[in-house]
Amino acid sequence: MSDILLSIENLETCFRTPEGTIHAVNGVSMKLEPGETLGIVGESGCGKSVTMLSILGLIPNPPGKVVAGKALYRGQDLLKMKDSEIRHVRCSEIGMVFQDPLTYFNPVLTIGRQVSEPLEVHRSLSHKEALDQTVEMLELVGIPRPKERLNDYPHQFSGGMRQRVMIAMALICSPQILIADEPTTALDVTIQAQIVELVKSLRDRLGMSIIWITHDLSLIAGLAQRMAVMYGGFVIEEAPVEDMYAAPQHPYTLGLLGSLPRLDDVQGRKLVSIEGLPPVLFKKPTSCPFAERCNFRIERCNLENPSLRLVDKCHRVACWVNPETRRENQ
């Protein structure tokens, strides 16, 4: 039996707009093992969230459409499932925590009703049984006096408490995978740390796998075992977290890491900035999507888009140039 829990293969997703077709995801492939935490990083618009929404059938069609690829979960292709089948997977097998919970909660239904509903629909529990488990889950994620708050509405919770409730709702059916889409972006730094520690403790307690989407590389360092960097709808580098921080191989990853302040920087070096703007992909790139912003580019970068190649045991990069020698990789 394969030890791969989720395998995404050559996923492509497009959006039709009045200005033209946006190629948001352009052949993304990645894998997730049982119990593993995978961090997906990159700036806004690189395709992180769209990749995950695509495999869960949450891309609105129109204007969006998954045009190619596979998403194999336990050997079954999520992209070929019927609506009823993928709806069951979303609630029972793969949970998702969104960036802004207030947008995704129904404002006219109580928290108790919204968190307990998946148990009634997908686990066939009675209303009382579902509410009892909801109280236990809300207590597990750190909601004070959970039984008293079942009849409260989303707007009666603070931002951090709403995010905890969103996590409770995602975990209520004990999924195998939790996808967290920048869940701490709008929160205070102290609340961010609490949410991260909560997710780590739940991961260790429940044994689930996690895909954590973020643009905060410092957060990933203490959370994930493996990390994928995305740019222009592609995965451009993938490696264990320690290897990525110790020896990044892609110029874009070098720029991202160079923009972070370091406690061990005794020389007082200036932070790096990446000049230019991300591409607007009205055409699927045939050259390196980062070439226009890259200080390492060579002629081949403007002619051909590199595919991921192995540079170490578990380290893959899509780049024509070796950043250490500034010469073309052989």
Protein backbone atom coordinates (compact mmCIF):
# COMPACT_ATOMS: atom_id res chain seq x y z
CA MET A 1 0.00 0.00 0.00
CA SER A 2 1.23 3.48 -0.87
CA ASP A 3 2.20 5.74 2.03
CA ILE A 4 1.00 8.80 0.08
CA LEU A 5 -2.24 10.17 1.51
CA LEU A 6 -2.86 12.87 -1.12
CA SER A 7 -1.23 13.17 -4.53
CA ILE A 8 -1.87 16.18 -6.79
CA GLU A 9 -0.66 15.62 -10.35
CA ASN A 10 -0.32 18.29 -13.07
CA LEU A 11 -3.26 20.36 -11.83
CA GLU A 12 -4.35 23.26 -14.05
CA THR A 13 -7.08 25.78 -13.22
CA CYS A 14 -8.23 28.76 -15.31
CA PHE A 15 -10.60 31.69 -14.79
CA ARG A 16 -12.45 33.35 -17.67
CA THR A 17 -12.70 37.13 -17.27
CA PRO A 18 -13.85 39.94 -19.59
CA GLU A 19 -10.17 40.78 -20.16
CA GLY A 20 -9.21 37.19 -21.02
CA THR A 21 -8.48 33.80 -19.48
CA ILE A 22 -6.31 33.83 -16.35
CA HIS A 23 -4.11 30.74 -15.99
CA ALA A 24 -4.02 30.63 -12.20
CA VAL A 25 -2.59 27.12 -11.67
CA ASN A 26 -0.31 25.68 -14.35
CA GLY A 27 0.60 22.06 -13.74
CA VAL A 28 1.04 21.84 -9.97
CA SER A 29 2.16 18.49 -8.55
CA MET A 30 2.70 17.75 -4.86
CA LYS A 31 2.25 14.93 -2.37
CA LEU A 32 1.24 14.65 1.28
CA GLU A 33 2.13 11.76 3.58
CA PRO A 34 0.15 10.59 6.63
CA GLY A 35 0.91 12.72 9.70
CA GLU A 36 2.96 15.22 7.69
CA THR A 37 2.67 19.01 7.72
CA LEU A 38 3.31 20.60 4.33
CA GLY A 39 3.79 24.37 4.11
CA ILE A 40 2.88 26.12 0.85
CA VAL A 41 4.34 29.62 0.56
CA GLY A 42 4.40 32.42 -1.99
CA GLU A 43 3.09 35.92 -2.53
CA SER A 44 -0.55 36.74 -3.18
CA GLY A 45 -1.86 35.50 -6.51
CA CYS A 46 0.67 32.70 -6.99
CA GLY A 47 -1.98 29.96 -6.93
CA LYS A 48 -1.71 28.61 -3.37
CA SER A 49 -5.36 28.88 -2.39
CA VAL A 50 -6.72 28.12 -5.86
CA THR A 51 -4.81 24.82 -5.87
CA MET A 52 -6.51 23.66 -2.68
CA LEU A 53 -9.95 25.00 -3.61
CA SER A 54 -9.63 23.18 -6.94
CA ILE A 55 -9.08 19.74 -5.45
CA LEU A 56 -12.05 20.22 -3.09
CA GLY A 57 -14.45 21.27 -5.83
CA LEU A 58 -14.83 24.79 -4.43
CA ILE A 59 -13.91 26.73 -7.58
CA PRO A 60 -17.04 28.53 -8.84
CA ASN A 61 -17.81 27.47 -12.40
CA PRO A 62 -18.16 29.88 -14.13
CA PRO A 63 -15.79 31.73 -14.12
CA GLY A 64 -13.29 29.13 -12.87
CA LYS A 65 -12.63 25.65 -14.20
CA VAL A 66 -10.18 22.83 -13.49
CA VAL A 67 -8.97 21.99 -16.98
CA ALA A 68 -6.40 19.24 -16.30
CA GLY A 69 -4.80 17.07 -13.65
CA LYS A 70 -5.61 14.59 -10.90
CA ALA A 71 -6.05 14.81 -7.14
CA LEU A 72 -5.75 11.30 -5.74
CA TYR A 73 -6.94 10.82 -2.15
CA ARG A 74 -6.55 7.23 -1.00
CA GLY A 75 -6.47 6.21 -4.65
CA GLN A 76 -9.67 8.06 -5.63
CA ASP A 77 -9.58 11.08 -7.92
CA LEU A 78 -11.32 13.97 -6.14
CA LEU A 79 -11.70 15.83 -9.44
CA LYS A 80 -13.91 13.07 -10.90
CA MET A 81 -16.24 12.72 -7.93
CA LYS A 82 -19.92 13.65 -8.05
CA ASP A 83 -21.12 16.63 -6.00
CA SER A 84 -22.52 14.38 -3.26
CA GLU A 85 -19.26 12.42 -3.05
CA ILE A 86 -16.93 15.42 -2.85
CA ARG A 87 -19.27 17.07 -0.31
CA HIS A 88 -18.86 14.03 1.93
CA VAL A 89 -15.07 14.13 1.53
CA ARG A 90 -14.98 17.85 2.43
CA CYS A 91 -16.79 17.22 5.71
CA SER A 92 -15.51 13.80 6.73
CA GLU A 93 -12.05 13.33 5.20
CA ILE A 94 -10.56 16.75 4.39
CA GLY A 95 -11.35 19.79 6.54
CA MET A 96 -10.55 23.36 5.55
CA VAL A 97 -9.94 26.47 7.65
CA PHE A 98 -10.41 29.69 5.71
CA GLN A 99 -8.62 33.01 6.06
CA ASP A 100 -11.62 35.10 7.16
CA PRO A 101 -14.08 32.97 9.17
CA LEU A 102 -16.69 35.71 9.42
CA THR A 103 -17.09 35.50 5.63
CA TYR A 104 -17.72 31.75 5.71
CA PHE A 105 -19.97 31.46 8.75
CA ASN A 106 -23.71 31.91 8.20
CA PRO A 107 -24.51 35.08 10.18
CA VAL A 108 -28.10 34.02 11.02
CA LEU A 109 -27.30 30.55 12.38
CA THR A 110 -25.85 29.89 15.82
CA ILE A 111 -22.35 28.53 16.23
CA GLY A 112 -23.76 25.40 17.83
CA ARG A 113 -25.94 24.71 14.80
CA GLN A 114 -23.16 25.30 12.27
CA VAL A 115 -20.51 23.21 14.03
CA SER A 116 -22.83 20.30 14.85
CA GLU A 117 -24.53 20.03 11.46
CA PRO A 118 -21.79 17.88 9.79
CA LEU A 119 -22.18 15.29 12.56
CA GLU A 120 -25.92 15.01 11.93
CA VAL A 121 -25.56 14.88 8.15
CA HIS A 122 -22.41 12.76 7.73
CA ARG A 123 -22.27 10.76 10.97
CA SER A 124 -26.04 10.29 11.44
CA LEU A 125 -25.93 11.46 15.05
CA SER A 126 -28.98 12.77 16.85
CA HIS A 127 -29.21 16.50 17.50
CA LYS A 128 -28.34 16.01 21.20
CA GLU A 129 -25.40 13.72 20.44
CA ALA A 130 -24.07 16.19 17.88
CA LEU A 131 -24.33 19.09 20.33
CA ASP A 132 -22.55 17.08 23.04
CA GLN A 133 -19.64 16.39 20.66
CA THR A 134 -19.66 20.03 19.58
CA VAL A 135 -19.21 21.14 23.20
CA GLU A 136 -16.26 18.74 23.54
CA MET A 137 -14.64 20.03 20.33
CA LEU A 138 -15.14 23.70 21.25
CA GLU A 139 -13.52 22.97 24.61
CA LEU A 140 -10.67 21.19 22.82
CA VAL A 141 -9.90 24.27 20.69
CA GLY A 142 -9.98 26.57 23.71
CA ILE A 143 -13.42 28.21 23.69
CA PRO A 144 -14.28 29.23 27.29
CA ARG A 145 -17.64 27.99 28.63
CA PRO A 146 -18.47 26.20 25.34
CA LYS A 147 -21.90 24.92 26.42
CA GLU A 148 -23.02 28.47 27.23
CA ARG A 149 -21.86 29.73 23.81
CA LEU A 150 -23.67 27.23 21.60
CA ASN A 151 -26.51 29.71 21.01
CA ASP A 152 -24.22 32.64 20.21
CA TYR A 153 -23.83 33.97 16.67
CA PRO A 154 -20.55 34.46 14.77
CA HIS A 155 -20.47 38.23 15.31
CA GLN A 156 -20.48 37.68 19.08
CA PHE A 157 -17.01 36.09 18.94
CA SER A 158 -13.68 37.89 18.62
CA GLY A 159 -11.47 37.26 15.58
CA GLY A 160 -9.29 34.75 17.42
CA MET A 161 -12.30 32.94 18.90
CA ARG A 162 -13.99 32.77 15.49
CA GLN A 163 -10.86 31.18 14.06
CA ARG A 164 -10.90 28.61 16.85
CA VAL A 165 -14.55 27.84 16.08
CA MET A 166 -13.66 27.49 12.39
CA ILE A 167 -10.97 24.98 13.34
CA ALA A 168 -13.50 23.12 15.49
CA MET A 169 -15.93 22.94 12.59
CA ALA A 170 -13.20 21.68 10.25
CA LEU A 171 -12.20 18.96 12.73
CA ILE A 172 -15.61 17.93 14.04
CA CYS A 173 -15.74 14.80 11.83
CA SER A 174 -12.10 13.84 12.54
CA PRO A 175 -10.71 14.36 9.01
CA GLN A 176 -7.44 12.84 7.83
CA ILE A 177 -6.27 16.15 6.32
CA LEU A 178 -6.64 19.74 7.54
CA ILE A 179 -6.07 22.49 4.97
CA ALA A 180 -5.39 25.84 6.65
CA ASP A 181 -5.59 28.76 4.21
CA GLU A 182 -3.68 31.64 5.87
CA PRO A 183 -5.77 31.26 9.04
CA THR A 184 -3.71 33.75 11.10
CA THR A 185 -3.32 36.60 8.60
CA ALA A 186 -5.86 38.99 10.13
CA LEU A 187 -5.02 38.22 13.77
CA ASP A 188 -2.75 39.88 16.33
CA VAL A 189 0.71 38.36 16.67
CA THR A 190 -0.06 36.88 20.09
CA ILE A 191 -3.30 35.34 18.80
CA GLN A 192 -1.43 34.01 15.76
CA ALA A 193 0.98 32.18 18.04
CA GLN A 194 -1.92 30.70 20.02
CA ILE A 195 -3.63 29.43 16.85
CA VAL A 196 -0.40 27.87 15.55
CA GLU A 197 0.26 26.14 18.88
CA LEU A 198 -3.35 24.95 18.94
CA VAL A 199 -3.07 23.40 15.48
CA LYS A 200 0.26 21.74 16.36
CA SER A 201 -1.20 20.22 19.53
CA LEU A 202 -4.29 18.99 17.66
CA ARG A 203 -2.07 17.50 14.94
CA ASP A 204 -0.07 15.57 17.50
CA ARG A 205 -3.19 14.50 19.40
CA LEU A 206 -5.34 13.49 16.41
CA GLY A 207 -2.59 12.28 14.07
CA MET A 208 -3.85 14.22 11.06
CA SER A 209 -1.92 15.64 8.12
CA ILE A 210 -1.86 19.41 7.51
CA ILE A 211 -1.43 21.63 4.48
CA TRP A 212 -0.69 25.15 5.74
CA ILE A 213 -0.94 27.94 3.16
CA THR A 214 0.84 31.19 4.04
CA HIS A 215 3.13 33.97 2.86
CA ASP A 216 4.85 34.05 6.26
CA LEU A 217 8.03 31.98 5.96
CA SER A 218 8.97 32.48 9.61
CA LEU A 219 5.76 30.76 10.67
CA ILE A 220 6.43 27.69 8.51
CA ALA A 221 9.86 27.18 10.07
CA GLY A 222 8.39 25.98 13.36
CA LEU A 223 5.32 24.22 12.00
CA ALA A 224 6.00 22.17 8.86
CA GLN A 225 8.29 19.29 7.98
CA ARG A 226 8.30 20.04 4.26
CA MET A 227 7.80 23.20 2.23
CA ALA A 228 6.73 24.04 -1.32
CA VAL A 229 7.31 27.49 -2.84
CA MET A 230 4.87 28.63 -5.53
CA TYR A 231 5.17 31.38 -8.13
CA GLY A 232 3.05 32.15 -11.20
CA GLY A 233 0.90 29.06 -10.73
CA PHE A 234 3.89 26.70 -10.52
CA VAL A 235 5.73 24.93 -7.72
CA ILE A 236 9.25 26.26 -8.24
CA GLU A 237 11.01 24.68 -5.25
CA GLU A 238 10.21 21.90 -2.80
CA ALA A 239 12.32 20.56 0.07
CA PRO A 240 12.37 19.65 3.77
CA VAL A 241 12.10 22.85 5.80
CA GLU A 242 15.62 22.58 7.21
CA ASP A 243 17.12 22.17 3.74
CA MET A 244 15.07 25.03 2.31
CA TYR A 245 16.26 27.49 4.95
CA ALA A 246 19.85 26.24 4.94
CA ALA A 247 20.39 26.03 1.18
CA PRO A 248 17.64 27.58 -0.99
CA GLN A 249 18.21 26.91 -4.68
CA HIS A 250 15.74 29.17 -6.50
CA PRO A 251 16.35 32.94 -6.83
CA TYR A 252 12.77 33.64 -5.76
CA THR A 253 13.19 31.58 -2.58
CA LEU A 254 16.47 33.39 -1.91
CA GLY A 255 14.62 36.69 -2.20
CA LEU A 256 11.83 35.59 0.14
CA LEU A 257 14.25 34.39 2.79
CA GLY A 258 16.42 37.47 2.32
CA SER A 259 13.45 39.68 3.19
CA LEU A 260 13.20 38.17 6.67
CA PRO A 261 15.07 39.77 9.58
CA ARG A 262 17.43 37.33 11.33
CA LEU A 263 18.37 37.22 15.00
CA ASP A 264 21.78 35.77 14.11
CA ASP A 265 22.66 38.56 11.68
CA VAL A 266 25.54 40.25 13.51
CA GLN A 267 26.71 42.11 10.40
CA GLY A 268 23.55 44.18 10.11
CA ARG A 269 22.87 43.31 6.47
CA LYS A 270 20.04 45.07 4.66
CA LEU A 271 16.87 43.15 3.95
CA VAL A 272 16.39 42.03 0.35
CA SER A 273 13.53 43.28 -1.80
CA ILE A 274 12.32 41.62 -5.00
CA GLU A 275 11.88 44.23 -7.69
CA GLY A 276 8.87 44.20 -10.02
CA LEU A 277 5.40 42.67 -9.79
CA PRO A 278 4.02 39.14 -10.13
CA PRO A 279 2.89 38.21 -13.67
CA VAL A 280 -0.73 38.49 -14.81
CA LEU A 281 -1.08 35.17 -16.58
CA PHE A 282 -3.37 35.74 -19.55
CA LYS A 283 -1.19 33.16 -21.31
CA LYS A 284 0.29 30.02 -19.83
CA PRO A 285 4.02 30.79 -19.44
CA THR A 286 6.37 29.09 -21.89
CA SER A 287 9.43 30.73 -20.31
CA CYS A 288 10.39 31.02 -16.65
CA PRO A 289 7.60 33.07 -14.98
CA PHE A 290 10.13 34.69 -12.62
CA ALA A 291 12.62 35.67 -15.35
CA GLU A 292 11.65 39.37 -15.57
CA ARG A 293 12.30 39.88 -11.84
CA CYS A 294 15.35 37.64 -11.54
CA ASN A 295 18.92 38.92 -11.09
CA PHE A 296 20.33 35.52 -12.06
CA ARG A 297 18.58 35.09 -15.41
CA ILE A 298 20.35 33.86 -18.51
CA GLU A 299 19.16 33.72 -22.11
CA ARG A 300 17.60 30.29 -21.68
CA CYS A 301 15.28 31.62 -18.94
CA ASN A 302 13.45 33.75 -21.54
CA LEU A 303 13.08 30.83 -23.95
CA GLU A 304 12.12 27.80 -21.88
CA ASN A 305 10.30 27.15 -18.60
CA PRO A 306 12.33 24.77 -16.40
CA SER A 307 10.66 21.77 -14.80
CA LEU A 308 11.36 20.59 -11.26
CA ARG A 309 14.61 18.62 -11.04
CA LEU A 310 16.23 16.84 -8.12
CA VAL A 311 19.23 18.68 -6.65
CA ASP A 312 19.45 16.66 -3.45
CA LYS A 313 17.81 13.61 -1.91
CA CYS A 314 14.46 15.34 -1.27
CA HIS A 315 15.14 18.80 -2.71
CA ARG A 316 13.67 19.80 -6.09
CA VAL A 317 13.96 23.13 -7.91
CA ALA A 318 12.76 24.59 -11.22
CA CYS A 319 15.60 26.86 -12.33
CA TRP A 320 18.20 26.91 -15.10
CA VAL A 321 20.83 28.68 -12.99
CA ASN A 322 22.86 27.58 -9.99
CA PRO A 323 22.57 30.55 -7.57
CA GLU A 324 25.99 29.86 -6.05
CA THR A 325 27.96 29.82 -9.30
CA ARG A 326 25.49 31.97 -11.32
CA ARG A 327 26.06 29.52 -14.17
CA GLU A 328 23.63 27.29 -16.02
CA ASN A 329 22.89 23.98 -14.35
CA GLN A 330 24.16 21.01 -16.25
